[in-house]
């Protein structure tokens, strides 16, 4: 896509989230991400703020990993999708981003 910015642009009003690191104001990589998701049969998963908080708390409570709330957003996606499209699937979640 030559004119990616015609279809995706940064937030018009800056949002707030415990996982602030994923509120990216750069959209240069969206095309490659969506293309890869479609090519591999993936689909987006939306996690609300309460699920982001719950995921971060669960990782802190049950692991020695000091991941930030941004770094535990994948766990939030897993929690949000629980029982949906994941039946019988093998999943992996990366814990990234250090809590400071």
PDB file of N, CA and C in Angstrom:
ATOM      1  N   UNK A   1       0.853  -1.184   0.000  1.00  0.00           N
ATOM      2  CA  UNK A   1       0.000   0.000   0.000  1.00  0.00           C
ATOM      3  C   UNK A   1       0.889   1.234   0.000  1.00  0.00           C
ATOM      4  N   UNK A   2       0.813   1.966  -1.056  1.00  0.00           N
ATOM      5  CA  UNK A   2       1.641   3.152  -1.204  1.00  0.00           C
ATOM      6  C   UNK A   2       1.159   4.298  -0.332  1.00  0.00           C
ATOM      7  N   UNK A   3      -0.136   4.415  -0.144  1.00  0.00           N
ATOM      8  CA  UNK A   3      -0.705   5.542   0.599  1.00  0.00           C
ATOM      9  C   UNK A   3      -1.340   5.066   1.908  1.00  0.00           C
ATOM     10  N   UNK A   4      -0.539   4.367   2.716  1.00  0.00           N
ATOM     11  CA  UNK A   4      -1.063   3.802   3.971  1.00  0.00           C
ATOM     12  C   UNK A   4      -1.686   4.861   4.873  1.00  0.00           C
ATOM     13  N   UNK A   5      -1.099   6.044   4.906  1.00  0.00           N
ATOM     14  CA  UNK A   5      -1.593   7.086   5.807  1.00  0.00           C
ATOM     15  C   UNK A   5      -2.971   7.605   5.416  1.00  0.00           C
ATOM     16  N   UNK A   6      -3.446   7.278   4.224  1.00  0.00           N
ATOM     17  CA  UNK A   6      -4.799   7.667   3.819  1.00  0.00           C
ATOM     18  C   UNK A   6      -5.849   6.797   4.506  1.00  0.00           C
ATOM     19  N   UNK A   7      -5.416   5.643   5.039  1.00  0.00           N
ATOM     20  CA  UNK A   7      -6.351   4.694   5.641  1.00  0.00           C
ATOM     21  C   UNK A   7      -6.179   4.538   7.146  1.00  0.00           C
ATOM     22  N   UNK A   8      -5.027   4.906   7.674  1.00  0.00           N
ATOM     23  CA  UNK A   8      -4.760   4.774   9.107  1.00  0.00           C
ATOM     24  C   UNK A   8      -3.937   5.977   9.539  1.00  0.00           C
ATOM     25  N   UNK A   9      -4.318   6.611  10.624  1.00  0.00           N
ATOM     26  CA  UNK A   9      -3.613   7.782  11.110  1.00  0.00           C
ATOM     27  C   UNK A   9      -3.587   7.741  12.630  1.00  0.00           C
ATOM     28  N   UNK A  10      -2.701   8.558  13.251  1.00  0.00           N
ATOM     29  CA  UNK A  10      -2.601   8.570  14.712  1.00  0.00           C
ATOM     30  C   UNK A  10      -3.899   9.041  15.365  1.00  0.00           C
ATOM     31  N   UNK A  11      -3.994   8.768  16.644  1.00  0.00           N
ATOM     32  CA  UNK A  11      -5.165   9.173  17.429  1.00  0.00           C
ATOM     33  C   UNK A  11      -5.431  10.655  17.257  1.00  0.00           C
ATOM     34  N   UNK A  12      -6.670  11.027  17.080  1.00  0.00           N
ATOM     35  CA  UNK A  12      -7.031  12.439  16.991  1.00  0.00           C
ATOM     36  C   UNK A  12      -7.052  13.063  18.381  1.00  0.00           C
ATOM     37  N   UNK A  13      -7.505  12.302  19.360  1.00  0.00           N
ATOM     38  CA  UNK A  13      -7.461  12.707  20.760  1.00  0.00           C
ATOM     39  C   UNK A  13      -6.665  11.643  21.494  1.00  0.00           C
ATOM     40  N   UNK A  14      -5.601  12.044  22.158  1.00  0.00           N
ATOM     41  CA  UNK A  14      -4.724  11.072  22.805  1.00  0.00           C
ATOM     42  C   UNK A  14      -5.466  10.285  23.887  1.00  0.00           C
ATOM     43  N   UNK A  15      -5.527   8.962  23.735  1.00  0.00           N
ATOM     44  CA  UNK A  15      -6.212   8.126  24.733  1.00  0.00           C
ATOM     45  C   UNK A  15      -5.321   7.871  25.942  1.00  0.00           C
ATOM     46  N   UNK A  16      -5.899   7.287  26.984  1.00  0.00           N
ATOM     47  CA  UNK A  16      -5.155   6.917  28.183  1.00  0.00           C
ATOM     48  C   UNK A  16      -5.377   5.438  28.437  1.00  0.00           C
ATOM     49  N   UNK A  17      -4.331   4.779  28.922  1.00  0.00           N
ATOM     50  CA  UNK A  17      -4.437   3.365  29.242  1.00  0.00           C
ATOM     51  C   UNK A  17      -3.316   2.979  30.186  1.00  0.00           C
ATOM     52  N   UNK A  18      -3.575   1.966  31.015  1.00  0.00           N
ATOM     53  CA  UNK A  18      -2.523   1.398  31.840  1.00  0.00           C
ATOM     54  C   UNK A  18      -1.434   0.820  30.937  1.00  0.00           C
ATOM     55  N   UNK A  19      -1.801   0.388  29.747  1.00  0.00           N
ATOM     56  CA  UNK A  19      -0.868  -0.148  28.750  1.00  0.00           C
ATOM     57  C   UNK A  19      -0.531   0.942  27.735  1.00  0.00           C
ATOM     58  N   UNK A  20      -0.052   2.068  28.230  1.00  0.00           N
ATOM     59  CA  UNK A  20       0.164   3.250  27.388  1.00  0.00           C
ATOM     60  C   UNK A  20       1.165   3.021  26.262  1.00  0.00           C
ATOM     61  N   UNK A  21       2.050   2.066  26.400  1.00  0.00           N
ATOM     62  CA  UNK A  21       3.055   1.818  25.372  1.00  0.00           C
ATOM     63  C   UNK A  21       2.504   1.290  24.058  1.00  0.00           C
ATOM     64  N   UNK A  22       1.268   0.789  24.067  1.00  0.00           N
ATOM     65  CA  UNK A  22       0.682   0.308  22.811  1.00  0.00           C
ATOM     66  C   UNK A  22      -0.231   1.347  22.167  1.00  0.00           C
ATOM     67  N   UNK A  23      -0.330   2.501  22.779  1.00  0.00           N
ATOM     68  CA  UNK A  23      -1.108   3.596  22.194  1.00  0.00           C
ATOM     69  C   UNK A  23      -0.174   4.381  21.274  1.00  0.00           C
ATOM     70  N   UNK A  24       0.212   3.751  20.214  1.00  0.00           N
ATOM     71  CA  UNK A  24       1.226   4.261  19.311  1.00  0.00           C
ATOM     72  C   UNK A  24       0.709   5.429  18.488  1.00  0.00           C
ATOM     73  N   UNK A  25       1.503   6.493  18.425  1.00  0.00           N
ATOM     74  CA  UNK A  25       1.125   7.629  17.586  1.00  0.00           C
ATOM     75  C   UNK A  25       1.804   7.555  16.216  1.00  0.00           C
ATOM     76  N   UNK A  26       2.428   6.426  15.930  1.00  0.00           N
ATOM     77  CA  UNK A  26       3.022   6.167  14.619  1.00  0.00           C
ATOM     78  C   UNK A  26       2.263   5.012  13.975  1.00  0.00           C
ATOM     79  N   UNK A  27       1.880   5.174  12.723  1.00  0.00           N
ATOM     80  CA  UNK A  27       1.070   4.137  12.067  1.00  0.00           C
ATOM     81  C   UNK A  27       1.791   3.492  10.887  1.00  0.00           C
ATOM     82  N   UNK A  28       3.091   3.687  10.780  1.00  0.00           N
ATOM     83  CA  UNK A  28       3.838   3.193   9.626  1.00  0.00           C
ATOM     84  C   UNK A  28       3.788   1.675   9.474  1.00  0.00           C
ATOM     85  N   UNK A  29       3.604   0.936  10.556  1.00  0.00           N
ATOM     86  CA  UNK A  29       3.699  -0.524  10.476  1.00  0.00           C
ATOM     87  C   UNK A  29       2.352  -1.241  10.408  1.00  0.00           C
ATOM     88  N   UNK A  30       1.257  -0.528  10.398  1.00  0.00           N
ATOM     89  CA  UNK A  30      -0.047  -1.187  10.473  1.00  0.00           C
ATOM     90  C   UNK A  30      -0.308  -2.096   9.275  1.00  0.00           C
ATOM     91  N   UNK A  31       0.108  -1.691   8.095  1.00  0.00           N
ATOM     92  CA  UNK A  31      -0.182  -2.478   6.893  1.00  0.00           C
ATOM     93  C   UNK A  31       0.466  -3.860   6.981  1.00  0.00           C
ATOM     94  N   UNK A  32       1.730  -3.910   7.350  1.00  0.00           N
ATOM     95  CA  UNK A  32       2.439  -5.192   7.441  1.00  0.00           C
ATOM     96  C   UNK A  32       1.822  -6.078   8.521  1.00  0.00           C
ATOM     97  N   UNK A  33       1.408  -5.482   9.627  1.00  0.00           N
ATOM     98  CA  UNK A  33       0.786  -6.264  10.702  1.00  0.00           C
ATOM     99  C   UNK A  33      -0.549  -6.860  10.267  1.00  0.00           C
ATOM    100  N   UNK A  34      -1.384  -6.055   9.649  1.00  0.00           N
ATOM    101  CA  UNK A  34      -2.693  -6.546   9.191  1.00  0.00           C
ATOM    102  C   UNK A  34      -2.517  -7.570   8.075  1.00  0.00           C
ATOM    103  N   UNK A  35      -1.600  -7.312   7.170  1.00  0.00           N
ATOM    104  CA  UNK A  35      -1.344  -8.251   6.077  1.00  0.00           C
ATOM    105  C   UNK A  35      -0.906  -9.614   6.625  1.00  0.00           C
ATOM    106  N   UNK A  36       0.002  -9.611   7.597  1.00  0.00           N
ATOM    107  CA  UNK A  36       0.448 -10.860   8.210  1.00  0.00           C
ATOM    108  C   UNK A  36      -0.670 -11.571   8.943  1.00  0.00           C
ATOM    109  N   UNK A  37      -1.502 -10.811   9.635  1.00  0.00           N
ATOM    110  CA  UNK A  37      -2.628 -11.396  10.357  1.00  0.00           C
ATOM    111  C   UNK A  37      -3.590 -12.082   9.386  1.00  0.00           C
ATOM    112  N   UNK A  38      -3.900 -11.416   8.299  1.00  0.00           N
ATOM    113  CA  UNK A  38      -4.824 -11.983   7.308  1.00  0.00           C
ATOM    114  C   UNK A  38      -4.208 -13.207   6.627  1.00  0.00           C
ATOM    115  N   UNK A  39      -2.946 -13.100   6.245  1.00  0.00           N
ATOM    116  CA  UNK A  39      -2.277 -14.196   5.536  1.00  0.00           C
ATOM    117  C   UNK A  39      -2.197 -15.464   6.383  1.00  0.00           C
ATOM    118  N   UNK A  40      -2.078 -15.312   7.697  1.00  0.00           N
ATOM    119  CA  UNK A  40      -1.942 -16.483   8.570  1.00  0.00           C
ATOM    120  C   UNK A  40      -3.262 -16.925   9.183  1.00  0.00           C
ATOM    121  N   UNK A  41      -4.354 -16.289   8.784  1.00  0.00           N
ATOM    122  CA  UNK A  41      -5.659 -16.672   9.314  1.00  0.00           C
ATOM    123  C   UNK A  41      -5.938 -16.127  10.697  1.00  0.00           C
ATOM    124  N   UNK A  42      -5.182 -15.142  11.109  1.00  0.00           N
ATOM    125  CA  UNK A  42      -5.377 -14.538  12.424  1.00  0.00           C
ATOM    126  C   UNK A  42      -6.544 -13.570  12.437  1.00  0.00           C
ATOM    127  N   UNK A  43      -6.806 -13.045  13.601  1.00  0.00           N
ATOM    128  CA  UNK A  43      -7.878 -12.066  13.772  1.00  0.00           C
ATOM    129  C   UNK A  43      -7.530 -11.176  14.955  1.00  0.00           C
ATOM    130  N   UNK A  44      -8.012  -9.943  14.953  1.00  0.00           N
ATOM    131  CA  UNK A  44      -7.734  -9.063  16.089  1.00  0.00           C
ATOM    132  C   UNK A  44      -8.520  -9.496  17.322  1.00  0.00           C
ATOM    133  N   UNK A  45      -7.954  -9.227  18.477  1.00  0.00           N
ATOM    134  CA  UNK A  45      -8.635  -9.454  19.751  1.00  0.00           C
ATOM    135  C   UNK A  45      -8.596  -8.132  20.500  1.00  0.00           C
ATOM    136  N   UNK A  46      -9.726  -7.693  21.000  1.00  0.00           N
ATOM    137  CA  UNK A  46      -9.806  -6.437  21.735  1.00  0.00           C
ATOM    138  C   UNK A  46      -9.950  -6.742  23.218  1.00  0.00           C
ATOM    139  N   UNK A  47      -9.077  -6.157  24.018  1.00  0.00           N
ATOM    140  CA  UNK A  47      -9.145  -6.301  25.472  1.00  0.00           C
ATOM    141  C   UNK A  47      -9.463  -4.938  26.072  1.00  0.00           C
ATOM    142  N   UNK A  48     -10.449  -4.896  26.948  1.00  0.00           N
ATOM    143  CA  UNK A  48     -10.795  -3.619  27.576  1.00  0.00           C
ATOM    144  C   UNK A  48      -9.809  -3.296  28.698  1.00  0.00           C
ATOM    145  N   UNK A  49      -9.930  -2.106  29.240  1.00  0.00           N
ATOM    146  CA  UNK A  49      -8.995  -1.623  30.258  1.00  0.00           C
ATOM    147  C   UNK A  49      -8.991  -2.514  31.499  1.00  0.00           C
ATOM    148  N   UNK A  50     -10.151  -2.970  31.931  1.00  0.00           N
ATOM    149  CA  UNK A  50     -10.219  -3.844  33.114  1.00  0.00           C
ATOM    150  C   UNK A  50      -9.460  -5.149  32.873  1.00  0.00           C
ATOM    151  N   UNK A  51      -9.522  -5.671  31.666  1.00  0.00           N
ATOM    152  CA  UNK A  51      -8.807  -6.907  31.337  1.00  0.00           C
ATOM    153  C   UNK A  51      -7.310  -6.658  31.258  1.00  0.00           C
ATOM    154  N   UNK A  52      -6.901  -5.498  30.767  1.00  0.00           N
ATOM    155  CA  UNK A  52      -5.483  -5.138  30.768  1.00  0.00           C
ATOM    156  C   UNK A  52      -4.945  -5.089  32.195  1.00  0.00           C
ATOM    157  N   UNK A  53      -5.703  -4.500  33.095  1.00  0.00           N
ATOM    158  CA  UNK A  53      -5.299  -4.423  34.503  1.00  0.00           C
ATOM    159  C   UNK A  53      -5.240  -5.820  35.115  1.00  0.00           C
ATOM    160  N   UNK A  54      -6.260  -6.637  34.882  1.00  0.00           N
ATOM    161  CA  UNK A  54      -6.305  -7.996  35.433  1.00  0.00           C
ATOM    162  C   UNK A  54      -5.136  -8.836  34.924  1.00  0.00           C
ATOM    163  N   UNK A  55      -4.805  -8.701  33.667  1.00  0.00           N
ATOM    164  CA  UNK A  55      -3.689  -9.461  33.094  1.00  0.00           C
ATOM    165  C   UNK A  55      -2.374  -9.064  33.743  1.00  0.00           C
ATOM    166  N   UNK A  56      -2.162  -7.775  33.903  1.00  0.00           N
ATOM    167  CA  UNK A  56      -0.927  -7.299  34.528  1.00  0.00           C
ATOM    168  C   UNK A  56      -0.832  -7.797  35.966  1.00  0.00           C
ATOM    169  N   UNK A  57      -1.921  -7.694  36.701  1.00  0.00           N
ATOM    170  CA  UNK A  57      -1.934  -8.166  38.090  1.00  0.00           C
ATOM    171  C   UNK A  57      -1.665  -9.668  38.168  1.00  0.00           C
ATOM    172  N   UNK A  58      -2.221 -10.442  37.252  1.00  0.00           N
ATOM    173  CA  UNK A  58      -2.016 -11.897  37.251  1.00  0.00           C
ATOM    174  C   UNK A  58      -0.555 -12.246  36.977  1.00  0.00           C
ATOM    175  N   UNK A  59       0.058 -11.556  36.036  1.00  0.00           N
ATOM    176  CA  UNK A  59       1.465 -11.824  35.728  1.00  0.00           C
ATOM    177  C   UNK A  59       2.343 -11.466  36.921  1.00  0.00           C
ATOM    178  N   UNK A  60       2.080 -10.328  37.553  1.00  0.00           N
ATOM    179  CA  UNK A  60       2.848  -9.918  38.731  1.00  0.00           C
ATOM    180  C   UNK A  60       2.680 -10.931  39.862  1.00  0.00           C
ATOM    181  N   UNK A  61       1.473 -11.398  40.061  1.00  0.00           N
ATOM    182  CA  UNK A  61       1.162 -12.321  41.156  1.00  0.00           C
ATOM    183  C   UNK A  61       1.727 -13.728  40.926  1.00  0.00           C
ATOM    184  N   UNK A  62       1.735 -14.191  39.685  1.00  0.00           N
ATOM    185  CA  UNK A  62       2.060 -15.594  39.416  1.00  0.00           C
ATOM    186  C   UNK A  62       3.414 -15.846  38.760  1.00  0.00           C
ATOM    187  N   UNK A  63       4.163 -14.793  38.471  1.00  0.00           N
ATOM    188  CA  UNK A  63       5.481 -14.990  37.858  1.00  0.00           C
ATOM    189  C   UNK A  63       6.497 -14.072  38.526  1.00  0.00           C
ATOM    190  N   UNK A  64       7.747 -14.291  38.203  1.00  0.00           N
ATOM    191  CA  UNK A  64       8.813 -13.408  38.675  1.00  0.00           C
ATOM    192  C   UNK A  64       9.175 -12.377  37.606  1.00  0.00           C
ATOM    193  N   UNK A  65       8.402 -12.334  36.537  1.00  0.00           N
ATOM    194  CA  UNK A  65       8.658 -11.412  35.429  1.00  0.00           C
ATOM    195  C   UNK A  65       8.138 -10.032  35.801  1.00  0.00           C
ATOM    196  N   UNK A  66       8.981  -9.020  35.660  1.00  0.00           N
ATOM    197  CA  UNK A  66       8.588  -7.645  35.983  1.00  0.00           C
ATOM    198  C   UNK A  66       8.125  -6.909  34.727  1.00  0.00           C
ATOM    199  N   UNK A  67       7.213  -7.510  34.002  1.00  0.00           N
ATOM    200  CA  UNK A  67       6.708  -6.911  32.764  1.00  0.00           C
ATOM    201  C   UNK A  67       5.767  -5.753  33.080  1.00  0.00           C
ATOM    202  N   UNK A  68       5.774  -4.765  32.216  1.00  0.00           N
ATOM    203  CA  UNK A  68       4.855  -3.633  32.353  1.00  0.00           C
ATOM    204  C   UNK A  68       3.456  -4.042  31.894  1.00  0.00           C
ATOM    205  N   UNK A  69       2.489  -3.175  32.129  1.00  0.00           N
ATOM    206  CA  UNK A  69       1.123  -3.447  31.656  1.00  0.00           C
ATOM    207  C   UNK A  69       1.090  -3.519  30.129  1.00  0.00           C
ATOM    208  N   UNK A  70       1.923  -2.741  29.474  1.00  0.00           N
ATOM    209  CA  UNK A  70       2.038  -2.859  28.020  1.00  0.00           C
ATOM    210  C   UNK A  70       2.579  -4.234  27.658  1.00  0.00           C
ATOM    211  N   UNK A  71       3.573  -4.693  28.399  1.00  0.00           N
ATOM    212  CA  UNK A  71       4.199  -5.981  28.138  1.00  0.00           C
ATOM    213  C   UNK A  71       3.329  -7.179  28.441  1.00  0.00           C
ATOM    214  N   UNK A  72       2.265  -6.980  29.209  1.00  0.00           N
ATOM    215  CA  UNK A  72       1.342  -8.080  29.514  1.00  0.00           C
ATOM    216  C   UNK A  72       0.049  -7.979  28.709  1.00  0.00           C
ATOM    217  N   UNK A  73       0.008  -7.087  27.738  1.00  0.00           N
ATOM    218  CA  UNK A  73      -1.203  -6.908  26.927  1.00  0.00           C
ATOM    219  C   UNK A  73      -1.570  -8.176  26.164  1.00  0.00           C
ATOM    220  N   UNK A  74      -0.590  -8.977  25.802  1.00  0.00           N
ATOM    221  CA  UNK A  74      -0.882 -10.246  25.134  1.00  0.00           C
ATOM    222  C   UNK A  74      -1.660 -11.188  26.031  1.00  0.00           C
ATOM    223  N   UNK A  75      -1.345 -11.173  27.326  1.00  0.00           N
ATOM    224  CA  UNK A  75      -2.103 -11.974  28.295  1.00  0.00           C
ATOM    225  C   UNK A  75      -3.536 -11.456  28.363  1.00  0.00           C
ATOM    226  N   UNK A  76      -3.697 -10.139  28.310  1.00  0.00           N
ATOM    227  CA  UNK A  76      -5.043  -9.557  28.305  1.00  0.00           C
ATOM    228  C   UNK A  76      -5.823 -10.031  27.083  1.00  0.00           C
ATOM    229  N   UNK A  77      -5.167 -10.098  25.946  1.00  0.00           N
ATOM    230  CA  UNK A  77      -5.823 -10.613  24.745  1.00  0.00           C
ATOM    231  C   UNK A  77      -6.242 -12.057  24.914  1.00  0.00           C
ATOM    232  N   UNK A  78      -5.386 -12.846  25.539  1.00  0.00           N
ATOM    233  CA  UNK A  78      -5.711 -14.250  25.796  1.00  0.00           C
ATOM    234  C   UNK A  78      -6.911 -14.365  26.732  1.00  0.00           C
ATOM    235  N   UNK A  79      -6.936 -13.538  27.778  1.00  0.00           N
ATOM    236  CA  UNK A  79      -8.081 -13.535  28.696  1.00  0.00           C
ATOM    237  C   UNK A  79      -9.356 -13.092  27.983  1.00  0.00           C
ATOM    238  N   UNK A  80      -9.242 -12.079  27.137  1.00  0.00           N
ATOM    239  CA  UNK A  80     -10.413 -11.560  26.421  1.00  0.00           C
ATOM    240  C   UNK A  80     -10.969 -12.588  25.443  1.00  0.00           C
ATOM    241  N   UNK A  81     -10.097 -13.424  24.887  1.00  0.00           N
ATOM    242  CA  UNK A  81     -10.523 -14.414  23.891  1.00  0.00           C
ATOM    243  C   UNK A  81     -10.892 -15.750  24.515  1.00  0.00           C
ATOM    244  N   UNK A  82     -10.721 -15.878  25.813  1.00  0.00           N
ATOM    245  CA  UNK A  82     -10.960 -17.159  26.488  1.00  0.00           C
ATOM    246  C   UNK A  82     -12.315 -17.743  26.104  1.00  0.00           C
ATOM    247  N   UNK A  83     -12.288 -18.980  25.631  1.00  0.00           N
ATOM    248  CA  UNK A  83     -13.516 -19.664  25.265  1.00  0.00           C
ATOM    249  C   UNK A  83     -14.017 -19.345  23.873  1.00  0.00           C
ATOM    250  N   UNK A  84     -13.445 -18.350  23.229  1.00  0.00           N
ATOM    251  CA  UNK A  84     -13.890 -17.976  21.879  1.00  0.00           C
ATOM    252  C   UNK A  84     -13.168 -18.810  20.837  1.00  0.00           C
ATOM    253  N   UNK A  85     -12.264 -18.177  20.154  1.00  0.00           N
ATOM    254  CA  UNK A  85     -11.589 -18.791  19.011  1.00  0.00           C
ATOM    255  C   UNK A  85     -10.394 -19.647  19.407  1.00  0.00           C
ATOM    256  N   UNK A  86     -10.127 -19.802  20.689  1.00  0.00           N
ATOM    257  CA  UNK A  86      -8.912 -20.490  21.103  1.00  0.00           C
ATOM    258  C   UNK A  86      -9.103 -21.960  21.438  1.00  0.00           C
ATOM    259  N   UNK A  87     -10.297 -22.464  21.353  1.00  0.00           N
ATOM    260  CA  UNK A  87     -10.541 -23.871  21.676  1.00  0.00           C
ATOM    261  C   UNK A  87      -9.676 -24.762  20.795  1.00  0.00           C
ATOM    262  N   UNK A  88      -8.865 -25.590  21.415  1.00  0.00           N
ATOM    263  CA  UNK A  88      -8.006 -26.503  20.684  1.00  0.00           C
ATOM    264  C   UNK A  88      -6.752 -25.876  20.104  1.00  0.00           C
ATOM    265  N   UNK A  89      -6.544 -24.600  20.326  1.00  0.00           N
ATOM    266  CA  UNK A  89      -5.378 -23.901  19.784  1.00  0.00           C
ATOM    267  C   UNK A  89      -4.210 -23.965  20.763  1.00  0.00           C
ATOM    268  N   UNK A  90      -3.019 -23.974  20.230  1.00  0.00           N
ATOM    269  CA  UNK A  90      -1.810 -23.811  21.032  1.00  0.00           C
ATOM    270  C   UNK A  90      -1.423 -22.347  20.899  1.00  0.00           C
ATOM    271  N   UNK A  91      -1.246 -21.675  22.020  1.00  0.00           N
ATOM    272  CA  UNK A  91      -0.937 -20.251  21.978  1.00  0.00           C
ATOM    273  C   UNK A  91       0.362 -19.969  22.726  1.00  0.00           C
ATOM    274  N   UNK A  92       0.987 -18.885  22.376  1.00  0.00           N
ATOM    275  CA  UNK A  92       2.169 -18.390  23.069  1.00  0.00           C
ATOM    276  C   UNK A  92       1.951 -16.908  23.326  1.00  0.00           C
ATOM    277  N   UNK A  93       2.365 -16.452  24.481  1.00  0.00           N
ATOM    278  CA  UNK A  93       2.254 -15.040  24.820  1.00  0.00           C
ATOM    279  C   UNK A  93       3.627 -14.569  25.279  1.00  0.00           C
ATOM    280  N   UNK A  94       4.090 -13.470  24.724  1.00  0.00           N
ATOM    281  CA  UNK A  94       5.367 -12.892  25.131  1.00  0.00           C
ATOM    282  C   UNK A  94       5.129 -11.881  26.236  1.00  0.00           C
ATOM    283  N   UNK A  95       5.953 -11.917  27.264  1.00  0.00           N
ATOM    284  CA  UNK A  95       5.925 -10.915  28.329  1.00  0.00           C
ATOM    285  C   UNK A  95       7.104  -9.986  28.080  1.00  0.00           C
ATOM    286  N   UNK A  96       6.807  -8.738  27.792  1.00  0.00           N
ATOM    287  CA  UNK A  96       7.854  -7.789  27.416  1.00  0.00           C
ATOM    288  C   UNK A  96       7.694  -6.503  28.196  1.00  0.00           C
ATOM    289  N   UNK A  97       8.590  -5.579  28.031  1.00  0.00           N
ATOM    290  CA  UNK A  97       8.469  -4.272  28.653  1.00  0.00           C
ATOM    291  C   UNK A  97       8.634  -4.332  30.156  1.00  0.00           C
ATOM    292  N   UNK A  98       9.690  -3.755  30.682  1.00  0.00           N
ATOM    293  CA  UNK A  98       9.994  -3.808  32.108  1.00  0.00           C
ATOM    294  C   UNK A  98       9.176  -2.781  32.879  1.00  0.00           C
ATOM    295  N   UNK A  99       8.612  -3.211  33.997  1.00  0.00           N
ATOM    296  CA  UNK A  99       7.912  -2.297  34.911  1.00  0.00           C
ATOM    297  C   UNK A  99       8.962  -1.402  35.546  1.00  0.00           C
ATOM    298  N   UNK A 100       8.754  -0.115  35.493  1.00  0.00           N
ATOM    299  CA  UNK A 100       9.733   0.837  36.067  1.00  0.00           C
ATOM    300  C   UNK A 100       9.145   1.566  37.241  1.00  0.00           C
TER     301      UNK A 100
END
